[in-house]
Amino acid sequence: MKLLKTLFFALVLFMSANAFAQQKKIQTTVIKTAIYCDHCKQCESCGDRLNLGLLKTKGVQMVQLDEEAMTISVTYNTKKTDLTTIKTTISKLGYDADDIKADPVAYEELDGCCKK
C-alpha cells in the first residue's frame, strides 16, 4: 500500500511539472515608432516592409501596425526571441523603436517620401 501511495505521489508530481513545462511563453508588446509615409505610388508600403522584416525574426508570430497611433504590436515567443532583438530589427529596417533610434544607414535606404 505504501508503494502505491509513493507511485501515485510521483505520478502527480511528474504530471504537474510537465504541465508547467508545456506552457508557451507567448507575449505581446506595443512598440512606439515613427512612420511618416503617406503611401504614395512612389514607394513600397512601410507596413509591408515592417511586417515582412519582423516576421523573418525567429519567434515573431504576428505584427500589427497602427499608423495613426504610430505603434507596432508584436506577438512573439519569449523562448525564441526577446524584446531587444525585436527593437533592434525594427531599427535595422530604418525606423525608431521606443528608445532605440533608427539605424542611419537603413534610414537613408528608405524612399524619400518615407522620411521626415
N, C-alpha and C. Protein backbone atom coordinates (compact mmCIF):
# COMPACT_ATOMS: atom_id res chain seq x y z
N MET A 1 0.82 -1.19 0.00
CA MET A 1 0.00 0.00 0.00
C MET A 1 0.86 1.25 0.00
N LYS A 2 1.95 1.20 0.78
CA LYS A 2 2.85 2.34 0.85
C LYS A 2 3.51 2.60 -0.50
N LEU A 3 3.84 1.54 -1.22
CA LEU A 3 4.43 1.67 -2.54
C LEU A 3 3.45 2.31 -3.52
N LEU A 4 2.19 1.95 -3.41
CA LEU A 4 1.16 2.51 -4.26
C LEU A 4 1.01 4.02 -4.03
N LYS A 5 1.02 4.43 -2.77
CA LYS A 5 0.92 5.85 -2.45
C LYS A 5 2.13 6.61 -2.99
N THR A 6 3.30 6.04 -2.87
CA THR A 6 4.52 6.68 -3.36
C THR A 6 4.48 6.83 -4.87
N LEU A 7 4.04 5.78 -5.56
CA LEU A 7 3.93 5.85 -7.01
C LEU A 7 2.89 6.88 -7.44
N PHE A 8 1.78 6.93 -6.75
CA PHE A 8 0.74 7.90 -7.05
C PHE A 8 1.27 9.32 -6.86
N PHE A 9 1.97 9.58 -5.76
CA PHE A 9 2.53 10.89 -5.49
C PHE A 9 3.55 11.28 -6.57
N ALA A 10 4.39 10.34 -6.97
CA ALA A 10 5.39 10.60 -8.00
C ALA A 10 4.73 10.91 -9.34
N LEU A 11 3.66 10.19 -9.66
CA LEU A 11 2.93 10.42 -10.90
C LEU A 11 2.30 11.81 -10.92
N VAL A 12 1.67 12.20 -9.81
CA VAL A 12 1.06 13.53 -9.73
C VAL A 12 2.12 14.61 -9.86
N LEU A 13 3.24 14.45 -9.20
CA LEU A 13 4.33 15.41 -9.26
C LEU A 13 4.87 15.52 -10.69
N PHE A 14 5.06 14.40 -11.35
CA PHE A 14 5.56 14.40 -12.72
C PHE A 14 4.59 15.09 -13.66
N MET A 15 3.30 14.82 -13.52
CA MET A 15 2.30 15.42 -14.40
C MET A 15 2.20 16.93 -14.19
N SER A 16 2.27 17.39 -12.96
CA SER A 16 2.18 18.83 -12.72
C SER A 16 3.43 19.55 -13.24
N ALA A 17 4.60 18.96 -13.09
CA ALA A 17 5.83 19.56 -13.62
C ALA A 17 5.79 19.60 -15.14
N ASN A 18 5.27 18.57 -15.74
CA ASN A 18 5.16 18.50 -17.18
C ASN A 18 4.17 19.54 -17.71
N ALA A 19 3.10 19.77 -17.00
CA ALA A 19 2.11 20.76 -17.41
C ALA A 19 2.71 22.16 -17.40
N PHE A 20 3.51 22.48 -16.39
CA PHE A 20 4.16 23.78 -16.34
C PHE A 20 5.18 23.94 -17.46
N ALA A 21 5.88 22.90 -17.79
CA ALA A 21 6.91 22.96 -18.83
C ALA A 21 6.31 23.16 -20.21
N GLN A 22 5.08 22.71 -20.42
CA GLN A 22 4.46 22.81 -21.73
C GLN A 22 3.81 24.15 -21.99
N GLN A 23 3.71 25.02 -21.00
CA GLN A 23 3.11 26.31 -21.22
C GLN A 23 3.97 27.13 -22.18
N LYS A 24 3.33 27.70 -23.18
CA LYS A 24 4.06 28.53 -24.13
C LYS A 24 4.31 29.88 -23.51
N LYS A 25 5.39 30.45 -23.89
CA LYS A 25 5.77 31.77 -23.40
C LYS A 25 5.50 32.79 -24.51
N ILE A 26 4.23 33.05 -24.77
CA ILE A 26 3.83 33.99 -25.81
C ILE A 26 3.54 35.33 -25.15
N GLN A 27 4.09 36.38 -25.74
CA GLN A 27 3.91 37.71 -25.18
C GLN A 27 3.63 38.68 -26.32
N THR A 28 2.81 39.69 -26.04
CA THR A 28 2.54 40.75 -26.99
C THR A 28 3.00 42.07 -26.38
N THR A 29 3.71 42.85 -27.17
CA THR A 29 4.19 44.14 -26.71
C THR A 29 3.86 45.21 -27.74
N VAL A 30 3.74 46.43 -27.29
CA VAL A 30 3.47 47.56 -28.18
C VAL A 30 4.71 48.45 -28.18
N ILE A 31 5.22 48.71 -29.37
CA ILE A 31 6.44 49.50 -29.53
C ILE A 31 6.09 50.79 -30.25
N LYS A 32 6.52 51.89 -29.69
CA LYS A 32 6.30 53.21 -30.29
C LYS A 32 7.31 53.41 -31.41
N THR A 33 6.86 53.90 -32.56
CA THR A 33 7.73 54.14 -33.70
C THR A 33 7.31 55.45 -34.36
N ALA A 34 7.93 55.78 -35.45
CA ALA A 34 7.58 56.99 -36.21
C ALA A 34 7.52 56.62 -37.68
N ILE A 35 6.33 56.75 -38.25
CA ILE A 35 6.13 56.45 -39.66
C ILE A 35 5.58 57.71 -40.31
N TYR A 36 6.32 58.22 -41.27
CA TYR A 36 5.94 59.48 -41.91
C TYR A 36 5.46 59.28 -43.34
N CYS A 37 5.36 58.06 -43.78
CA CYS A 37 4.97 57.76 -45.15
C CYS A 37 3.47 57.97 -45.36
N ASP A 38 3.14 58.58 -46.50
CA ASP A 38 1.72 58.74 -46.83
C ASP A 38 1.27 57.70 -47.86
N HIS A 39 2.13 56.71 -48.11
CA HIS A 39 1.85 55.59 -49.01
C HIS A 39 1.51 56.04 -50.43
N CYS A 40 2.34 56.95 -50.91
CA CYS A 40 2.17 57.39 -52.29
C CYS A 40 2.60 56.26 -53.24
N LYS A 41 2.44 56.48 -54.52
CA LYS A 41 2.75 55.44 -55.50
C LYS A 41 4.25 55.33 -55.79
N GLN A 42 5.07 56.18 -55.18
CA GLN A 42 6.50 56.18 -55.46
C GLN A 42 7.25 55.14 -54.63
N CYS A 43 6.65 54.69 -53.55
CA CYS A 43 7.42 53.86 -52.62
C CYS A 43 6.74 52.52 -52.35
N GLU A 44 7.53 51.67 -51.72
CA GLU A 44 7.00 50.42 -51.19
C GLU A 44 6.18 50.78 -49.95
N SER A 45 5.28 49.95 -49.57
CA SER A 45 4.48 50.21 -48.37
C SER A 45 5.32 49.96 -47.12
N CYS A 46 5.35 50.96 -46.23
CA CYS A 46 6.11 50.82 -44.97
C CYS A 46 5.56 49.67 -44.14
N GLY A 47 4.25 49.51 -44.15
CA GLY A 47 3.64 48.42 -43.39
C GLY A 47 4.14 47.07 -43.84
N ASP A 48 4.23 46.87 -45.15
CA ASP A 48 4.74 45.60 -45.68
C ASP A 48 6.20 45.42 -45.30
N ARG A 49 6.96 46.50 -45.37
CA ARG A 49 8.39 46.42 -45.02
C ARG A 49 8.56 45.98 -43.57
N LEU A 50 7.79 46.59 -42.67
CA LEU A 50 7.87 46.23 -41.25
C LEU A 50 7.35 44.82 -41.00
N ASN A 51 6.20 44.49 -41.58
CA ASN A 51 5.63 43.16 -41.37
C ASN A 51 6.57 42.06 -41.84
N LEU A 52 7.03 42.17 -43.07
CA LEU A 52 7.89 41.12 -43.62
C LEU A 52 9.23 41.06 -42.89
N GLY A 53 9.78 42.22 -42.56
CA GLY A 53 11.06 42.23 -41.86
C GLY A 53 10.97 41.62 -40.47
N LEU A 54 9.91 41.94 -39.75
CA LEU A 54 9.75 41.40 -38.40
C LEU A 54 9.36 39.93 -38.41
N LEU A 55 8.54 39.53 -39.36
CA LEU A 55 8.11 38.12 -39.40
C LEU A 55 9.26 37.18 -39.75
N LYS A 56 10.35 37.71 -40.30
CA LYS A 56 11.53 36.89 -40.57
C LYS A 56 12.32 36.63 -39.30
N THR A 57 12.04 37.39 -38.25
CA THR A 57 12.74 37.22 -36.98
C THR A 57 12.22 35.96 -36.29
N LYS A 58 13.12 35.07 -35.91
CA LYS A 58 12.74 33.82 -35.26
C LYS A 58 11.94 34.12 -33.99
N GLY A 59 10.77 33.52 -33.86
CA GLY A 59 9.94 33.68 -32.67
C GLY A 59 8.82 34.70 -32.83
N VAL A 60 8.92 35.59 -33.81
CA VAL A 60 7.86 36.57 -34.02
C VAL A 60 6.71 35.88 -34.73
N GLN A 61 5.51 36.01 -34.16
CA GLN A 61 4.35 35.30 -34.70
C GLN A 61 3.36 36.22 -35.40
N MET A 62 3.23 37.46 -34.92
CA MET A 62 2.25 38.35 -35.51
C MET A 62 2.71 39.79 -35.34
N VAL A 63 2.44 40.61 -36.35
CA VAL A 63 2.80 42.02 -36.32
C VAL A 63 1.58 42.83 -36.76
N GLN A 64 1.23 43.85 -35.98
CA GLN A 64 0.13 44.74 -36.36
C GLN A 64 0.63 46.17 -36.26
N LEU A 65 0.51 46.90 -37.35
CA LEU A 65 0.96 48.27 -37.42
C LEU A 65 -0.23 49.20 -37.28
N ASP A 66 -0.17 50.14 -36.36
CA ASP A 66 -1.19 51.17 -36.21
C ASP A 66 -0.55 52.49 -36.61
N GLU A 67 -0.78 52.88 -37.87
CA GLU A 67 -0.13 54.06 -38.42
C GLU A 67 -0.58 55.35 -37.74
N GLU A 68 -1.83 55.41 -37.35
CA GLU A 68 -2.34 56.63 -36.71
C GLU A 68 -1.71 56.83 -35.33
N ALA A 69 -1.62 55.78 -34.56
CA ALA A 69 -1.02 55.86 -33.22
C ALA A 69 0.50 55.75 -33.28
N MET A 70 1.03 55.41 -34.46
CA MET A 70 2.46 55.19 -34.68
C MET A 70 3.01 54.15 -33.70
N THR A 71 2.34 52.99 -33.66
CA THR A 71 2.79 51.89 -32.82
C THR A 71 2.81 50.59 -33.62
N ILE A 72 3.61 49.66 -33.14
CA ILE A 72 3.69 48.32 -33.72
C ILE A 72 3.42 47.33 -32.59
N SER A 73 2.39 46.50 -32.74
CA SER A 73 2.12 45.44 -31.77
C SER A 73 2.78 44.16 -32.30
N VAL A 74 3.60 43.56 -31.47
CA VAL A 74 4.34 42.37 -31.88
C VAL A 74 4.03 41.24 -30.89
N THR A 75 3.58 40.11 -31.42
CA THR A 75 3.36 38.92 -30.61
C THR A 75 4.51 37.97 -30.91
N TYR A 76 5.17 37.51 -29.84
CA TYR A 76 6.36 36.69 -30.03
C TYR A 76 6.50 35.66 -28.92
N ASN A 77 7.32 34.64 -29.22
CA ASN A 77 7.62 33.56 -28.29
C ASN A 77 8.88 33.95 -27.52
N THR A 78 8.76 34.12 -26.21
CA THR A 78 9.89 34.58 -25.41
C THR A 78 11.01 33.54 -25.29
N LYS A 79 10.71 32.29 -25.66
CA LYS A 79 11.75 31.26 -25.65
C LYS A 79 12.65 31.37 -26.88
N LYS A 80 12.17 32.05 -27.92
CA LYS A 80 12.92 32.12 -29.17
C LYS A 80 13.51 33.51 -29.45
N THR A 81 12.96 34.55 -28.89
CA THR A 81 13.47 35.90 -29.11
C THR A 81 13.14 36.76 -27.91
N ASP A 82 13.66 37.98 -27.92
CA ASP A 82 13.37 38.90 -26.82
C ASP A 82 13.07 40.28 -27.37
N LEU A 83 12.64 41.16 -26.50
CA LEU A 83 12.20 42.49 -26.90
C LEU A 83 13.35 43.31 -27.51
N THR A 84 14.54 43.17 -26.97
CA THR A 84 15.69 43.91 -27.50
C THR A 84 15.98 43.50 -28.95
N THR A 85 15.90 42.23 -29.25
CA THR A 85 16.12 41.74 -30.61
C THR A 85 15.07 42.31 -31.56
N ILE A 86 13.83 42.35 -31.13
CA ILE A 86 12.75 42.88 -31.96
C ILE A 86 12.97 44.37 -32.22
N LYS A 87 13.31 45.12 -31.19
CA LYS A 87 13.56 46.56 -31.37
C LYS A 87 14.76 46.81 -32.28
N THR A 88 15.79 46.00 -32.14
CA THR A 88 16.96 46.13 -33.00
C THR A 88 16.60 45.85 -34.45
N THR A 89 15.76 44.86 -34.68
CA THR A 89 15.31 44.53 -36.03
C THR A 89 14.55 45.71 -36.63
N ILE A 90 13.67 46.32 -35.86
CA ILE A 90 12.92 47.49 -36.34
C ILE A 90 13.89 48.61 -36.69
N SER A 91 14.89 48.83 -35.85
CA SER A 91 15.90 49.85 -36.10
C SER A 91 16.64 49.57 -37.40
N LYS A 92 16.99 48.31 -37.63
CA LYS A 92 17.72 47.94 -38.84
C LYS A 92 16.86 48.06 -40.10
N LEU A 93 15.54 48.17 -39.92
CA LEU A 93 14.64 48.39 -41.05
C LEU A 93 14.50 49.88 -41.36
N GLY A 94 15.06 50.74 -40.49
CA GLY A 94 15.05 52.18 -40.76
C GLY A 94 14.08 52.97 -39.91
N TYR A 95 13.53 52.37 -38.87
CA TYR A 95 12.52 53.04 -38.05
C TYR A 95 12.94 53.05 -36.58
N ASP A 96 12.47 54.06 -35.85
CA ASP A 96 12.69 54.10 -34.40
C ASP A 96 11.88 53.01 -33.74
N ALA A 97 12.37 52.52 -32.61
CA ALA A 97 11.66 51.51 -31.83
C ALA A 97 11.82 51.86 -30.36
N ASP A 98 10.83 52.56 -29.81
CA ASP A 98 10.89 53.08 -28.44
C ASP A 98 12.16 53.90 -28.26
N ASP A 99 13.06 53.43 -27.42
CA ASP A 99 14.27 54.18 -27.10
C ASP A 99 15.44 53.90 -28.06
N ILE A 100 15.27 52.99 -28.99
CA ILE A 100 16.32 52.68 -29.96
C ILE A 100 16.04 53.45 -31.25
N LYS A 101 16.98 54.29 -31.62
CA LYS A 101 16.82 55.11 -32.83
C LYS A 101 17.06 54.27 -34.08
N ALA A 102 16.49 54.72 -35.18
CA ALA A 102 16.64 54.03 -36.45
C ALA A 102 18.10 54.00 -36.86
N ASP A 103 18.51 52.88 -37.42
CA ASP A 103 19.86 52.75 -37.95
C ASP A 103 20.03 53.78 -39.08
N PRO A 104 21.04 54.65 -39.02
CA PRO A 104 21.20 55.70 -40.02
C PRO A 104 21.33 55.18 -41.46
N VAL A 105 22.04 54.07 -41.65
CA VAL A 105 22.20 53.51 -42.99
C VAL A 105 20.86 53.00 -43.51
N ALA A 106 20.11 52.29 -42.68
CA ALA A 106 18.80 51.77 -43.08
C ALA A 106 17.82 52.92 -43.34
N TYR A 107 17.89 53.95 -42.52
CA TYR A 107 17.00 55.11 -42.71
C TYR A 107 17.27 55.78 -44.06
N GLU A 108 18.52 55.90 -44.45
CA GLU A 108 18.87 56.51 -45.73
C GLU A 108 18.37 55.67 -46.91
N GLU A 109 18.20 54.37 -46.71
CA GLU A 109 17.71 53.49 -47.78
C GLU A 109 16.21 53.58 -47.98
N LEU A 110 15.49 54.21 -47.02
CA LEU A 110 14.05 54.40 -47.20
C LEU A 110 13.80 55.36 -48.34
N ASP A 111 12.66 55.24 -48.98
CA ASP A 111 12.28 56.18 -50.04
C ASP A 111 12.15 57.58 -49.46
N GLY A 112 12.41 58.58 -50.26
CA GLY A 112 12.39 59.97 -49.82
C GLY A 112 11.06 60.38 -49.20
N CYS A 113 9.96 59.84 -49.70
CA CYS A 113 8.65 60.21 -49.18
C CYS A 113 8.35 59.57 -47.82
N CYS A 114 9.21 58.67 -47.38
CA CYS A 114 9.01 57.99 -46.09
C CYS A 114 9.84 58.60 -44.98
N LYS A 115 10.59 59.64 -45.30
CA LYS A 115 11.46 60.28 -44.32
C LYS A 115 10.81 61.56 -43.81
N LYS A 116 11.20 61.92 -42.62
CA LYS A 116 10.65 63.14 -42.01
C LYS A 116 11.23 64.37 -42.67
